[in-house]
N, C-alpha and C. Protein backbone atom coordinates (compact mmCIF):
# COMPACT_ATOMS: atom_id res chain seq x y z
N MET A 1 -14.50 -16.93 -68.86
CA MET A 1 -13.34 -17.43 -67.91
C MET A 1 -12.80 -16.24 -67.16
N LYS A 2 -12.64 -15.17 -67.82
CA LYS A 2 -12.06 -14.06 -67.26
C LYS A 2 -12.88 -13.44 -66.11
N GLU A 3 -14.32 -13.52 -66.45
CA GLU A 3 -15.27 -13.07 -65.37
C GLU A 3 -15.19 -13.92 -64.16
N ARG A 4 -15.16 -15.24 -64.37
CA ARG A 4 -15.04 -16.22 -63.28
C ARG A 4 -13.73 -15.96 -62.48
N GLY A 5 -12.69 -15.77 -63.26
CA GLY A 5 -11.47 -15.60 -62.52
C GLY A 5 -11.28 -14.23 -61.68
N SER A 6 -11.97 -13.28 -62.26
CA SER A 6 -11.99 -11.95 -61.43
C SER A 6 -13.05 -12.02 -60.32
N ALA A 7 -13.96 -12.87 -60.39
CA ALA A 7 -14.94 -13.01 -59.29
C ALA A 7 -14.20 -13.64 -58.21
N LEU A 8 -13.45 -14.66 -58.46
CA LEU A 8 -12.70 -15.54 -57.50
C LEU A 8 -11.81 -14.62 -56.72
N VAL A 9 -11.04 -13.80 -57.60
CA VAL A 9 -9.99 -12.86 -56.97
C VAL A 9 -10.70 -11.87 -55.95
N SER A 10 -11.89 -11.34 -56.45
CA SER A 10 -12.65 -10.46 -55.68
C SER A 10 -13.14 -11.17 -54.36
N VAL A 11 -13.52 -12.47 -54.27
CA VAL A 11 -13.98 -13.09 -53.16
C VAL A 11 -12.83 -13.32 -52.14
N ILE A 12 -11.70 -13.69 -52.78
CA ILE A 12 -10.53 -13.88 -51.91
C ILE A 12 -10.16 -12.60 -51.24
N LEU A 13 -10.12 -11.43 -52.00
CA LEU A 13 -9.83 -10.19 -51.46
C LEU A 13 -10.76 -9.71 -50.18
N VAL A 14 -12.09 -10.05 -50.51
CA VAL A 14 -12.95 -9.71 -49.52
C VAL A 14 -12.74 -10.51 -48.25
N LEU A 15 -12.47 -11.86 -48.41
CA LEU A 15 -12.25 -12.75 -47.32
C LEU A 15 -10.88 -12.38 -46.53
N LEU A 16 -9.93 -11.97 -47.20
CA LEU A 16 -8.72 -11.47 -46.65
C LEU A 16 -8.99 -10.17 -45.82
N VAL A 17 -9.77 -9.19 -46.36
CA VAL A 17 -10.05 -8.09 -45.63
C VAL A 17 -10.79 -8.34 -44.35
N LEU A 18 -11.87 -9.28 -44.51
CA LEU A 18 -12.68 -9.67 -43.38
C LEU A 18 -11.79 -10.30 -42.34
N THR A 19 -10.80 -11.18 -42.77
CA THR A 19 -9.92 -11.88 -41.83
C THR A 19 -9.16 -10.81 -40.99
N ILE A 20 -8.53 -9.85 -41.75
CA ILE A 20 -7.66 -8.80 -41.03
C ILE A 20 -8.51 -8.04 -40.11
N VAL A 21 -9.66 -7.71 -40.45
CA VAL A 21 -10.62 -6.96 -39.57
C VAL A 21 -10.94 -7.78 -38.31
N GLY A 22 -11.37 -9.16 -38.62
CA GLY A 22 -11.64 -9.98 -37.35
C GLY A 22 -10.45 -10.16 -36.44
N VAL A 23 -9.18 -10.24 -36.98
CA VAL A 23 -8.07 -10.40 -36.14
C VAL A 23 -7.76 -9.12 -35.39
N GLY A 24 -8.06 -7.95 -36.06
CA GLY A 24 -7.80 -6.66 -35.43
C GLY A 24 -8.76 -6.45 -34.25
N ILE A 25 -10.02 -6.86 -34.50
CA ILE A 25 -10.98 -6.72 -33.41
C ILE A 25 -10.67 -7.62 -32.18
N ALA A 26 -10.27 -8.85 -32.66
CA ALA A 26 -9.86 -9.77 -31.47
C ALA A 26 -8.74 -9.21 -30.70
N TYR A 27 -7.68 -8.74 -31.38
CA TYR A 27 -6.54 -8.22 -30.68
C TYR A 27 -6.91 -7.01 -29.71
N PHE A 28 -7.61 -6.12 -30.32
CA PHE A 28 -8.00 -4.79 -29.61
C PHE A 28 -8.92 -5.27 -28.32
N THR A 29 -9.80 -6.18 -28.61
CA THR A 29 -10.70 -6.74 -27.47
C THR A 29 -9.89 -7.38 -26.37
N SER A 30 -8.82 -8.11 -26.75
CA SER A 30 -7.90 -8.70 -25.87
C SER A 30 -7.06 -7.69 -25.04
N MET A 31 -6.60 -6.62 -25.69
CA MET A 31 -5.76 -5.62 -25.01
C MET A 31 -6.72 -4.81 -24.15
N GLU A 32 -7.95 -4.52 -24.51
CA GLU A 32 -8.95 -3.86 -23.54
C GLU A 32 -9.10 -4.57 -22.32
N ASP A 33 -9.25 -5.95 -22.54
CA ASP A 33 -9.46 -6.81 -21.28
C ASP A 33 -8.32 -6.73 -20.38
N ARG A 34 -7.14 -6.79 -20.96
CA ARG A 34 -5.92 -6.78 -20.17
C ARG A 34 -5.72 -5.47 -19.43
N LEU A 35 -6.00 -4.30 -20.19
CA LEU A 35 -5.95 -3.06 -19.56
C LEU A 35 -7.00 -2.85 -18.40
N SER A 36 -8.14 -3.47 -18.63
CA SER A 36 -9.26 -3.29 -17.61
C SER A 36 -8.78 -4.17 -16.38
N GLY A 37 -8.19 -5.34 -16.63
CA GLY A 37 -7.73 -6.14 -15.57
C GLY A 37 -6.55 -5.43 -14.84
N ASN A 38 -5.65 -4.77 -15.46
CA ASN A 38 -4.54 -4.12 -14.85
C ASN A 38 -5.09 -3.01 -13.96
N THR A 39 -6.04 -2.32 -14.38
CA THR A 39 -6.71 -1.16 -13.74
C THR A 39 -7.40 -1.63 -12.49
N ARG A 40 -7.99 -2.81 -12.68
CA ARG A 40 -8.68 -3.44 -11.32
C ARG A 40 -7.73 -3.83 -10.33
N ILE A 41 -6.54 -4.44 -10.80
CA ILE A 41 -5.44 -4.79 -9.93
C ILE A 41 -4.88 -3.67 -9.19
N ALA A 42 -4.52 -2.65 -9.97
CA ALA A 42 -3.88 -1.35 -9.44
C ALA A 42 -4.82 -0.77 -8.40
N LYS A 43 -6.16 -0.72 -8.65
CA LYS A 43 -7.02 -0.14 -7.58
C LYS A 43 -7.12 -0.99 -6.36
N ALA A 44 -7.03 -2.34 -6.53
CA ALA A 44 -7.06 -3.21 -5.35
C ALA A 44 -5.83 -3.02 -4.57
N GLY A 45 -4.75 -2.75 -5.18
CA GLY A 45 -3.41 -2.50 -4.36
C GLY A 45 -3.55 -1.21 -3.65
N PHE A 46 -4.12 -0.15 -4.34
CA PHE A 46 -4.23 1.14 -3.74
C PHE A 46 -5.21 1.11 -2.48
N TYR A 47 -6.34 0.45 -2.68
CA TYR A 47 -7.27 0.45 -1.58
C TYR A 47 -6.73 -0.39 -0.39
N ALA A 48 -6.00 -1.44 -0.66
CA ALA A 48 -5.21 -2.20 0.36
C ALA A 48 -4.38 -1.37 1.14
N ALA A 49 -3.51 -0.66 0.45
CA ALA A 49 -2.58 0.29 1.11
C ALA A 49 -3.29 1.42 1.82
N ASP A 50 -4.38 1.88 1.40
CA ASP A 50 -5.12 2.92 2.03
C ASP A 50 -5.73 2.38 3.34
N ALA A 51 -6.30 1.13 3.27
CA ALA A 51 -6.94 0.46 4.49
C ALA A 51 -5.85 0.27 5.53
N GLY A 52 -4.49 -0.13 5.13
CA GLY A 52 -3.50 -0.29 6.12
C GLY A 52 -3.18 1.04 6.68
N LEU A 53 -3.15 2.11 5.85
CA LEU A 53 -2.76 3.37 6.41
C LEU A 53 -3.72 3.87 7.45
N ARG A 54 -5.07 3.66 7.28
CA ARG A 54 -5.99 4.13 8.26
C ARG A 54 -5.97 3.33 9.41
N ARG A 55 -5.59 2.01 9.43
CA ARG A 55 -5.42 1.24 10.62
C ARG A 55 -4.11 1.74 11.35
N GLY A 56 -3.14 2.01 10.61
CA GLY A 56 -1.93 2.46 11.22
C GLY A 56 -2.03 3.83 11.95
N GLU A 57 -2.85 4.72 11.46
CA GLU A 57 -3.09 5.94 12.06
C GLU A 57 -3.84 5.85 13.32
N ALA A 58 -4.87 4.86 13.36
CA ALA A 58 -5.64 4.69 14.61
C ALA A 58 -4.67 3.96 15.67
N LEU A 59 -3.94 3.05 15.27
CA LEU A 59 -3.02 2.29 16.25
C LEU A 59 -2.02 3.37 16.84
N LEU A 60 -1.38 4.09 15.97
CA LEU A 60 -0.38 5.15 16.57
C LEU A 60 -1.01 6.20 17.41
N GLU A 61 -2.23 6.66 17.05
CA GLU A 61 -2.95 7.65 17.89
C GLU A 61 -3.34 6.97 19.21
N ARG A 62 -3.80 5.72 19.23
CA ARG A 62 -4.19 5.15 20.38
C ARG A 62 -3.00 4.75 21.35
N ALA A 63 -1.76 4.45 20.70
CA ALA A 63 -0.68 4.11 21.53
C ALA A 63 -0.06 5.39 22.25
N VAL A 64 0.00 6.51 21.53
CA VAL A 64 0.67 7.65 22.18
C VAL A 64 -0.24 8.37 23.12
N THR A 65 -1.54 8.05 23.07
CA THR A 65 -2.48 8.65 24.05
C THR A 65 -3.07 7.86 25.06
N LEU A 66 -2.31 6.71 25.38
CA LEU A 66 -2.65 5.79 26.38
C LEU A 66 -2.71 6.60 27.75
N ASP A 67 -3.35 6.05 28.73
CA ASP A 67 -3.32 6.56 30.05
C ASP A 67 -1.92 6.42 30.62
N THR A 68 -1.55 7.38 31.51
CA THR A 68 -0.19 7.30 32.14
C THR A 68 0.15 6.04 32.77
N SER A 69 -0.99 5.42 33.32
CA SER A 69 -0.68 4.05 34.07
C SER A 69 -0.29 3.05 33.05
N CYS A 70 -0.41 3.24 31.77
CA CYS A 70 -0.08 2.20 30.79
C CYS A 70 1.22 2.43 30.07
N SER A 71 1.99 3.50 30.76
CA SER A 71 3.34 3.87 30.21
C SER A 71 3.23 4.07 28.65
N PRO A 72 2.44 5.17 28.30
CA PRO A 72 2.39 5.55 26.84
C PRO A 72 3.75 5.73 26.17
N PRO A 73 3.94 5.07 25.06
CA PRO A 73 5.31 5.14 24.48
C PRO A 73 5.46 6.55 23.68
N THR A 74 6.76 6.91 23.63
CA THR A 74 7.08 8.06 22.80
C THR A 74 7.25 7.64 21.40
N LEU A 75 7.35 8.53 20.53
CA LEU A 75 7.50 7.99 19.12
C LEU A 75 8.93 7.44 18.98
N SER A 76 9.85 7.96 19.69
CA SER A 76 11.30 7.31 19.61
C SER A 76 11.11 5.89 20.13
N ALA A 77 10.33 5.63 21.20
CA ALA A 77 10.23 4.23 21.62
C ALA A 77 9.66 3.40 20.58
N ILE A 78 8.62 3.84 19.82
CA ILE A 78 7.98 3.15 18.75
C ILE A 78 8.93 2.86 17.66
N LEU A 79 9.75 3.90 17.23
CA LEU A 79 10.59 3.76 16.26
C LEU A 79 11.69 2.81 16.66
N GLY A 80 12.17 2.71 17.78
CA GLY A 80 13.19 1.90 18.29
C GLY A 80 12.71 0.42 18.58
N ALA A 81 11.48 0.19 18.55
CA ALA A 81 10.90 -1.08 18.86
C ALA A 81 11.05 -2.04 17.56
N ARG A 82 12.22 -2.41 17.34
CA ARG A 82 12.50 -3.27 16.11
C ARG A 82 12.53 -4.60 16.36
N SER A 83 12.02 -5.39 15.49
CA SER A 83 11.95 -6.82 15.48
C SER A 83 13.00 -7.29 14.51
N VAL A 84 14.00 -8.17 14.94
CA VAL A 84 15.02 -8.68 13.99
C VAL A 84 14.48 -9.57 12.91
N LEU A 85 13.26 -9.94 13.17
CA LEU A 85 12.68 -10.91 12.19
C LEU A 85 11.88 -10.08 11.07
N ALA A 86 11.50 -8.85 11.39
CA ALA A 86 10.68 -8.12 10.44
C ALA A 86 11.55 -7.46 9.35
N PRO A 87 11.10 -7.39 8.13
CA PRO A 87 11.82 -6.82 6.89
C PRO A 87 12.02 -5.28 7.11
N VAL A 88 13.02 -4.73 6.53
CA VAL A 88 13.27 -3.25 6.44
C VAL A 88 12.86 -2.88 5.08
N LEU A 89 12.11 -1.67 4.89
CA LEU A 89 11.66 -1.28 3.68
C LEU A 89 12.41 -0.01 3.22
N LYS A 90 13.01 0.06 2.10
CA LYS A 90 13.66 1.14 1.62
C LYS A 90 12.60 1.85 0.56
N VAL A 91 12.11 2.88 1.12
CA VAL A 91 10.99 3.63 0.44
C VAL A 91 11.49 4.32 -0.78
N PRO A 92 10.85 4.31 -1.94
CA PRO A 92 11.35 5.01 -3.16
C PRO A 92 11.42 6.50 -2.83
N GLY A 93 12.58 7.17 -3.24
CA GLY A 93 12.63 8.65 -2.94
C GLY A 93 13.70 8.92 -1.83
N GLY A 94 14.16 7.90 -1.21
CA GLY A 94 15.26 8.14 -0.17
C GLY A 94 14.70 8.27 1.15
N GLY A 95 15.59 8.79 2.02
CA GLY A 95 15.20 8.99 3.52
C GLY A 95 15.56 7.78 4.24
N TYR A 96 15.23 7.81 5.54
CA TYR A 96 15.54 6.70 6.50
C TYR A 96 14.70 5.44 6.07
N ASP A 97 15.36 4.30 6.34
CA ASP A 97 14.71 3.04 6.13
C ASP A 97 13.51 2.97 6.99
N ALA A 98 12.48 2.36 6.46
CA ALA A 98 11.18 2.17 7.18
C ALA A 98 11.26 0.82 7.89
N LEU A 99 10.80 0.88 9.14
CA LEU A 99 10.85 -0.33 9.97
C LEU A 99 9.43 -0.82 10.17
N ALA A 100 9.20 -2.14 10.19
CA ALA A 100 7.87 -2.74 10.42
C ALA A 100 7.24 -2.14 11.64
N LEU A 101 5.91 -1.71 11.60
CA LEU A 101 5.30 -1.22 12.80
C LEU A 101 4.98 -2.51 13.74
N ASP A 102 5.61 -2.46 14.89
CA ASP A 102 5.58 -3.59 15.80
C ASP A 102 5.40 -3.15 17.20
N PHE A 103 4.17 -3.18 17.76
CA PHE A 103 3.76 -2.74 19.08
C PHE A 103 4.17 -3.80 20.12
N SER A 104 4.42 -5.11 19.67
CA SER A 104 4.66 -6.13 20.64
C SER A 104 6.02 -6.06 21.23
N MET A 105 6.85 -5.15 20.71
CA MET A 105 8.25 -4.99 21.17
C MET A 105 8.34 -3.71 22.23
N LEU A 106 7.22 -3.18 22.59
CA LEU A 106 7.09 -2.19 23.51
C LEU A 106 7.18 -2.72 25.00
N PRO A 107 7.28 -1.86 25.94
CA PRO A 107 7.33 -2.38 27.34
C PRO A 107 6.04 -3.21 27.70
N ALA A 108 6.20 -4.09 28.62
CA ALA A 108 5.12 -5.14 28.93
C ALA A 108 3.81 -4.33 29.46
N ALA A 109 3.93 -3.27 30.12
CA ALA A 109 2.70 -2.48 30.53
C ALA A 109 2.03 -1.85 29.40
N THR A 110 2.68 -1.42 28.51
CA THR A 110 2.10 -0.84 27.35
C THR A 110 1.46 -1.90 26.40
N VAL A 111 2.08 -2.99 26.32
CA VAL A 111 1.51 -4.11 25.48
C VAL A 111 0.24 -4.59 26.12
N ALA A 112 0.20 -4.77 27.44
CA ALA A 112 -0.99 -5.15 28.15
C ALA A 112 -2.12 -4.24 28.00
N CYS A 113 -1.94 -3.01 27.91
CA CYS A 113 -3.07 -2.08 27.73
C CYS A 113 -3.48 -1.99 26.31
N LEU A 114 -2.62 -2.25 25.34
CA LEU A 114 -2.92 -2.30 23.95
C LEU A 114 -3.69 -3.49 23.52
N GLY A 115 -3.40 -4.59 24.36
CA GLY A 115 -4.20 -5.73 24.13
C GLY A 115 -4.02 -6.40 22.76
N ALA A 116 -5.14 -6.65 22.05
CA ALA A 116 -5.05 -7.30 20.76
C ALA A 116 -4.25 -6.37 19.72
N ASP A 117 -4.26 -5.13 19.94
CA ASP A 117 -3.56 -4.22 18.98
C ASP A 117 -2.05 -4.35 19.04
N ALA A 118 -1.54 -4.85 20.09
CA ALA A 118 -0.14 -5.13 20.29
C ALA A 118 0.32 -6.38 19.77
N THR A 119 -0.03 -6.63 18.47
CA THR A 119 0.36 -7.81 17.73
C THR A 119 1.89 -7.65 17.20
N ALA A 120 2.35 -8.74 16.64
CA ALA A 120 3.68 -8.74 16.11
C ALA A 120 3.62 -7.83 14.95
N ALA A 121 4.76 -7.76 14.22
CA ALA A 121 4.91 -6.87 13.14
C ALA A 121 3.76 -6.95 12.21
N LEU A 122 3.21 -5.77 11.82
CA LEU A 122 2.04 -5.78 10.89
C LEU A 122 2.42 -5.98 9.46
N ILE A 123 2.87 -7.11 9.13
CA ILE A 123 3.34 -7.40 7.79
C ILE A 123 2.54 -8.49 7.12
N ASP A 124 2.11 -8.13 5.93
CA ASP A 124 1.34 -9.12 5.15
C ASP A 124 0.03 -9.50 5.83
N VAL A 125 -0.70 -8.42 6.24
CA VAL A 125 -1.99 -8.70 6.92
C VAL A 125 -3.00 -8.86 5.74
N VAL A 126 -3.77 -9.89 5.91
CA VAL A 126 -4.73 -10.31 4.86
C VAL A 126 -5.99 -9.47 4.91
N ILE A 127 -6.43 -9.04 3.81
CA ILE A 127 -7.74 -8.37 3.80
C ILE A 127 -8.71 -9.31 3.12
N PRO A 128 -9.60 -10.01 3.89
CA PRO A 128 -10.49 -11.00 3.40
C PRO A 128 -11.59 -10.39 2.52
N PRO A 129 -11.91 -11.07 1.40
CA PRO A 129 -13.08 -10.57 0.59
C PRO A 129 -14.39 -10.83 1.16
N PRO A 130 -15.46 -10.18 0.72
CA PRO A 130 -16.77 -10.56 1.26
C PRO A 130 -17.04 -12.09 0.84
N ALA A 131 -17.80 -12.73 1.78
CA ALA A 131 -18.01 -14.13 1.71
C ALA A 131 -18.70 -14.48 0.42
N SER A 132 -19.52 -13.57 -0.15
CA SER A 132 -20.26 -14.03 -1.34
C SER A 132 -19.45 -13.68 -2.74
N VAL A 133 -18.24 -13.12 -2.50
CA VAL A 133 -17.47 -12.87 -3.77
C VAL A 133 -16.42 -13.82 -3.96
N PRO A 134 -16.48 -14.50 -5.16
CA PRO A 134 -15.42 -15.52 -5.44
C PRO A 134 -14.19 -14.85 -5.96
N VAL A 135 -13.21 -14.44 -5.03
CA VAL A 135 -12.11 -13.78 -5.40
C VAL A 135 -10.84 -14.85 -5.19
N VAL A 136 -10.01 -14.78 -6.21
CA VAL A 136 -8.84 -15.63 -6.13
C VAL A 136 -7.54 -15.00 -5.87
N ASP A 137 -7.55 -13.55 -6.02
CA ASP A 137 -6.32 -12.82 -5.69
C ASP A 137 -6.23 -12.67 -4.12
N ARG A 138 -5.04 -12.64 -3.65
CA ARG A 138 -4.72 -12.51 -2.22
C ARG A 138 -4.32 -10.98 -2.07
N VAL A 139 -4.98 -10.30 -1.27
CA VAL A 139 -4.88 -8.90 -1.03
C VAL A 139 -4.39 -8.68 0.46
N THR A 140 -3.21 -8.01 0.58
CA THR A 140 -2.69 -7.77 1.83
C THR A 140 -2.15 -6.48 2.00
N TYR A 141 -1.80 -5.90 3.27
CA TYR A 141 -1.12 -4.75 3.49
C TYR A 141 -0.02 -4.94 4.52
N SER A 142 1.09 -4.15 4.48
CA SER A 142 2.14 -4.17 5.49
C SER A 142 2.37 -2.74 5.99
N LEU A 143 2.63 -2.58 7.22
CA LEU A 143 2.73 -1.18 7.85
C LEU A 143 4.18 -1.03 8.28
N TYR A 144 4.76 0.22 7.96
CA TYR A 144 6.07 0.56 8.31
C TYR A 144 6.15 2.02 8.91
N LEU A 145 7.19 2.21 9.71
CA LEU A 145 7.33 3.57 10.23
C LEU A 145 8.72 4.00 10.22
N ARG A 146 8.89 5.34 9.93
CA ARG A 146 10.18 5.83 9.95
C ARG A 146 10.22 7.35 10.30
N ASN A 147 11.34 7.84 10.71
CA ASN A 147 11.37 9.28 11.10
C ASN A 147 11.47 10.16 9.92
N ASN A 148 11.09 11.39 10.01
CA ASN A 148 11.13 12.19 8.85
C ASN A 148 12.46 12.83 8.74
N VAL A 149 12.97 13.02 7.60
CA VAL A 149 14.36 13.56 7.33
C VAL A 149 14.47 15.07 7.78
N ASP A 150 13.46 15.68 7.90
CA ASP A 150 13.44 17.12 8.30
C ASP A 150 13.77 17.41 9.92
N ASP A 151 13.63 16.15 10.58
CA ASP A 151 13.90 16.25 12.02
C ASP A 151 15.42 16.50 12.24
N ALA A 152 15.81 17.78 12.38
CA ALA A 152 17.21 18.20 12.50
C ALA A 152 17.87 17.54 13.76
N GLY A 153 17.12 17.45 14.80
CA GLY A 153 17.82 16.95 16.00
C GLY A 153 17.55 15.48 16.18
N GLY A 154 17.02 14.79 15.29
CA GLY A 154 16.69 13.37 15.46
C GLY A 154 17.57 12.50 14.52
N SER A 155 17.17 11.16 14.59
CA SER A 155 17.87 10.11 13.78
C SER A 155 16.81 9.17 13.28
N ASP A 156 17.32 8.04 12.79
CA ASP A 156 16.32 7.00 12.38
C ASP A 156 15.54 6.48 13.51
N VAL A 157 16.08 6.53 14.75
CA VAL A 157 15.22 5.96 15.95
C VAL A 157 15.04 6.96 16.88
N LEU A 158 15.33 8.20 16.68
CA LEU A 158 15.19 9.31 17.68
C LEU A 158 14.31 10.42 17.04
N ASP A 159 13.17 10.61 17.65
CA ASP A 159 12.24 11.58 17.19
C ASP A 159 12.26 12.88 18.12
N THR A 160 12.43 14.09 17.56
CA THR A 160 12.57 15.32 18.38
C THR A 160 11.37 16.36 18.03
N ASP A 161 10.54 16.08 16.93
CA ASP A 161 9.54 16.96 16.52
C ASP A 161 8.18 16.54 16.51
N SER A 162 7.95 15.34 17.05
CA SER A 162 6.53 14.58 17.04
C SER A 162 6.09 14.28 15.68
N ILE A 163 6.89 14.17 14.65
CA ILE A 163 6.47 14.00 13.30
C ILE A 163 7.12 12.73 12.79
N VAL A 164 6.32 11.81 12.34
CA VAL A 164 6.90 10.51 11.73
C VAL A 164 6.18 10.25 10.46
N ASN A 165 6.83 9.35 9.66
CA ASN A 165 6.18 8.98 8.41
C ASN A 165 5.67 7.55 8.50
N LEU A 166 4.43 7.26 8.20
CA LEU A 166 3.75 6.04 8.18
C LEU A 166 3.67 5.66 6.77
N VAL A 167 4.15 4.45 6.51
CA VAL A 167 4.12 3.87 5.17
C VAL A 167 3.29 2.59 5.14
N SER A 168 2.50 2.46 4.17
CA SER A 168 1.58 1.35 3.96
C SER A 168 1.90 0.74 2.62
N VAL A 169 2.01 -0.55 2.50
CA VAL A 169 2.33 -1.21 1.26
C VAL A 169 1.25 -2.20 0.93
N GLY A 170 0.37 -1.96 -0.09
CA GLY A 170 -0.70 -2.82 -0.49
C GLY A 170 -0.13 -3.86 -1.54
N THR A 171 -0.53 -5.13 -1.35
CA THR A 171 -0.03 -6.12 -2.27
C THR A 171 -1.15 -6.88 -2.74
N VAL A 172 -1.16 -7.12 -4.00
CA VAL A 172 -2.20 -8.02 -4.67
C VAL A 172 -1.50 -9.23 -5.28
N LYS A 173 -1.57 -10.39 -4.83
CA LYS A 173 -0.91 -11.58 -5.27
C LYS A 173 -1.95 -12.32 -6.19
N LEU A 174 -1.71 -12.37 -7.48
CA LEU A 174 -2.61 -12.96 -8.44
C LEU A 174 -2.59 -14.47 -8.42
N ALA A 175 -3.51 -15.13 -8.93
CA ALA A 175 -3.45 -16.66 -8.95
C ALA A 175 -2.30 -17.18 -9.70
N ILE A 176 -1.77 -16.47 -10.72
CA ILE A 176 -0.71 -16.96 -11.50
C ILE A 176 0.67 -16.74 -10.76
N GLY A 177 0.66 -16.12 -9.67
CA GLY A 177 1.86 -16.03 -8.81
C GLY A 177 2.56 -14.71 -8.79
N THR A 178 2.08 -13.83 -9.70
CA THR A 178 2.67 -12.52 -9.85
C THR A 178 2.03 -11.50 -8.70
N SER A 179 3.01 -10.66 -8.22
CA SER A 179 2.49 -9.79 -7.23
C SER A 179 2.60 -8.39 -7.68
N VAL A 180 1.73 -7.56 -7.37
CA VAL A 180 1.60 -6.12 -7.68
C VAL A 180 1.54 -5.36 -6.31
N THR A 181 2.37 -4.32 -6.21
CA THR A 181 2.40 -3.61 -4.93
C THR A 181 2.13 -2.08 -5.28
N HIS A 182 1.58 -1.46 -4.19
CA HIS A 182 1.28 -0.03 -4.27
C HIS A 182 1.71 0.57 -2.91
N ILE A 183 2.56 1.57 -2.88
CA ILE A 183 3.01 2.12 -1.69
C ILE A 183 2.38 3.53 -1.36
N ILE A 184 1.85 3.79 -0.22
CA ILE A 184 1.39 5.09 0.23
C ILE A 184 2.16 5.52 1.47
N GLU A 185 2.68 6.73 1.51
CA GLU A 185 3.44 7.30 2.65
C GLU A 185 2.76 8.56 3.10
N GLU A 186 2.46 8.65 4.43
CA GLU A 186 1.85 9.78 5.04
C GLU A 186 2.55 10.28 6.26
N GLN A 187 2.72 11.57 6.38
CA GLN A 187 3.42 12.30 7.44
C GLN A 187 2.38 12.58 8.54
N LEU A 188 2.73 12.17 9.76
CA LEU A 188 1.73 12.43 10.83
C LEU A 188 2.52 13.21 11.92
N LEU A 189 1.66 14.16 12.49
CA LEU A 189 2.10 14.86 13.80
C LEU A 189 1.33 14.28 14.84
N LEU A 190 2.06 13.60 15.75
CA LEU A 190 1.45 12.98 16.92
C LEU A 190 2.17 13.40 18.10
N SER A 191 1.36 13.84 19.13
CA SER A 191 1.79 14.30 20.43
C SER A 191 1.23 13.61 21.50
N SER A 192 2.02 13.17 22.54
CA SER A 192 1.44 12.36 23.64
C SER A 192 0.51 13.20 24.40
N GLY A 193 -0.39 12.51 25.27
CA GLY A 193 -1.16 13.22 26.17
C GLY A 193 -2.57 13.62 25.54
N GLY A 194 -2.90 12.94 24.50
CA GLY A 194 -4.29 13.13 23.92
C GLY A 194 -4.32 14.07 22.85
N ASN A 195 -3.14 14.75 22.41
CA ASN A 195 -3.20 15.70 21.35
C ASN A 195 -2.68 14.97 20.08
N SER A 196 -3.42 14.93 19.04
CA SER A 196 -3.05 14.33 17.90
C SER A 196 -3.73 15.03 16.67
N SER A 197 -2.92 15.29 15.64
CA SER A 197 -3.57 15.96 14.43
C SER A 197 -2.77 15.54 13.18
N GLY A 198 -3.43 15.53 12.19
CA GLY A 198 -2.71 15.08 10.93
C GLY A 198 -1.69 16.13 10.40
N GLY A 199 -0.50 15.76 10.25
CA GLY A 199 0.57 16.73 9.84
C GLY A 199 0.39 17.06 8.42
N GLN A 200 -0.50 16.48 7.70
CA GLN A 200 -0.80 16.75 6.29
C GLN A 200 -1.69 17.92 6.11
N LYS A 201 -2.40 18.32 7.12
CA LYS A 201 -3.56 19.32 7.00
C LYS A 201 -2.91 20.66 6.57
N ASP A 202 -3.59 21.19 5.52
CA ASP A 202 -3.21 22.54 5.03
C ASP A 202 -1.80 22.62 4.40
N ILE A 203 -1.25 21.45 4.03
CA ILE A 203 0.22 21.53 3.43
C ILE A 203 0.03 22.02 1.92
N ASP A 204 -0.97 21.46 1.33
CA ASP A 204 -1.20 21.74 -0.07
C ASP A 204 -2.66 22.00 -0.43
N ALA A 205 -2.96 22.31 -1.60
CA ALA A 205 -4.30 22.54 -2.00
C ALA A 205 -5.30 21.43 -1.78
N GLY A 206 -4.76 20.20 -1.69
CA GLY A 206 -5.50 18.91 -1.56
C GLY A 206 -5.76 18.56 -0.21
N GLY A 207 -4.99 19.40 0.69
CA GLY A 207 -5.18 19.04 2.20
C GLY A 207 -4.37 17.88 2.61
N THR A 208 -3.40 17.39 1.74
CA THR A 208 -2.58 16.20 2.21
C THR A 208 -1.35 16.29 1.58
N ASN A 209 -0.35 15.72 2.20
CA ASN A 209 1.02 15.50 1.70
C ASN A 209 1.31 14.14 1.43
N THR A 210 0.27 13.32 1.35
CA THR A 210 0.48 11.82 1.24
C THR A 210 1.16 11.66 -0.11
N ILE A 211 2.16 10.78 -0.07
CA ILE A 211 2.98 10.34 -1.22
C ILE A 211 2.53 8.89 -1.63
N SER A 212 2.22 8.81 -2.91
CA SER A 212 1.78 7.42 -3.39
C SER A 212 2.61 7.05 -4.63
N SER A 213 2.94 5.82 -4.65
CA SER A 213 3.73 5.29 -5.81
C SER A 213 3.33 3.86 -6.10
N ASP A 214 3.36 3.43 -7.35
CA ASP A 214 3.23 2.09 -7.84
C ASP A 214 4.59 1.55 -7.85
N ALA A 215 4.69 0.45 -6.98
CA ALA A 215 6.06 -0.17 -6.89
C ALA A 215 6.08 -1.21 -8.13
N GLY A 216 5.10 -1.40 -8.80
CA GLY A 216 5.17 -2.28 -9.98
C GLY A 216 5.10 -3.72 -9.56
N LYS A 217 5.59 -4.68 -10.44
CA LYS A 217 5.35 -6.08 -10.23
C LYS A 217 6.64 -6.68 -9.81
N SER A 218 6.52 -7.74 -8.99
CA SER A 218 7.60 -8.44 -8.56
C SER A 218 7.48 -10.03 -8.83
């Protein structure tokens, strides 16, 4: 009887240990899946913001280097082209508020030359997934512009040093309704008349002064 009782206790202990091990494996597997998913979402937000940043660079360079017959806008004119319907972004870290990049508010001659690029505020621009990829997340970017705080003679809408800060916000809206955002800010040196160069060149060892931040979930 004692041997039978001890065998039963041993079996129960073994089953208990196996159960604990099984639960532990299931927990850590679930955590790994969640971490992997969070990494994927964070990367998607970063790449969306980066895609917006590249488009913003191209649009600004094209605008300030338009032919004189198109009345190329100054950076002050672009900063002052505010749409009352567009949101204002308070960038983490302080400085001037960032205004939605909106070329449609520029003079008619400039808008006509910019054509399709002179769209309304570039807010919540959707990045479509490849047709063959079944993606349920909605990925977008929004572009903002603000003057740099080191412009001693300038203001939020007055540029005197040809340097502005371009801000891109990448957003991933999940199927469950949660949104994850990633913000990238880049300082650009833009001069009218065909001269354009990246203000981030040679600023640091990485060759860029781009500021990136995860704005988290909303």
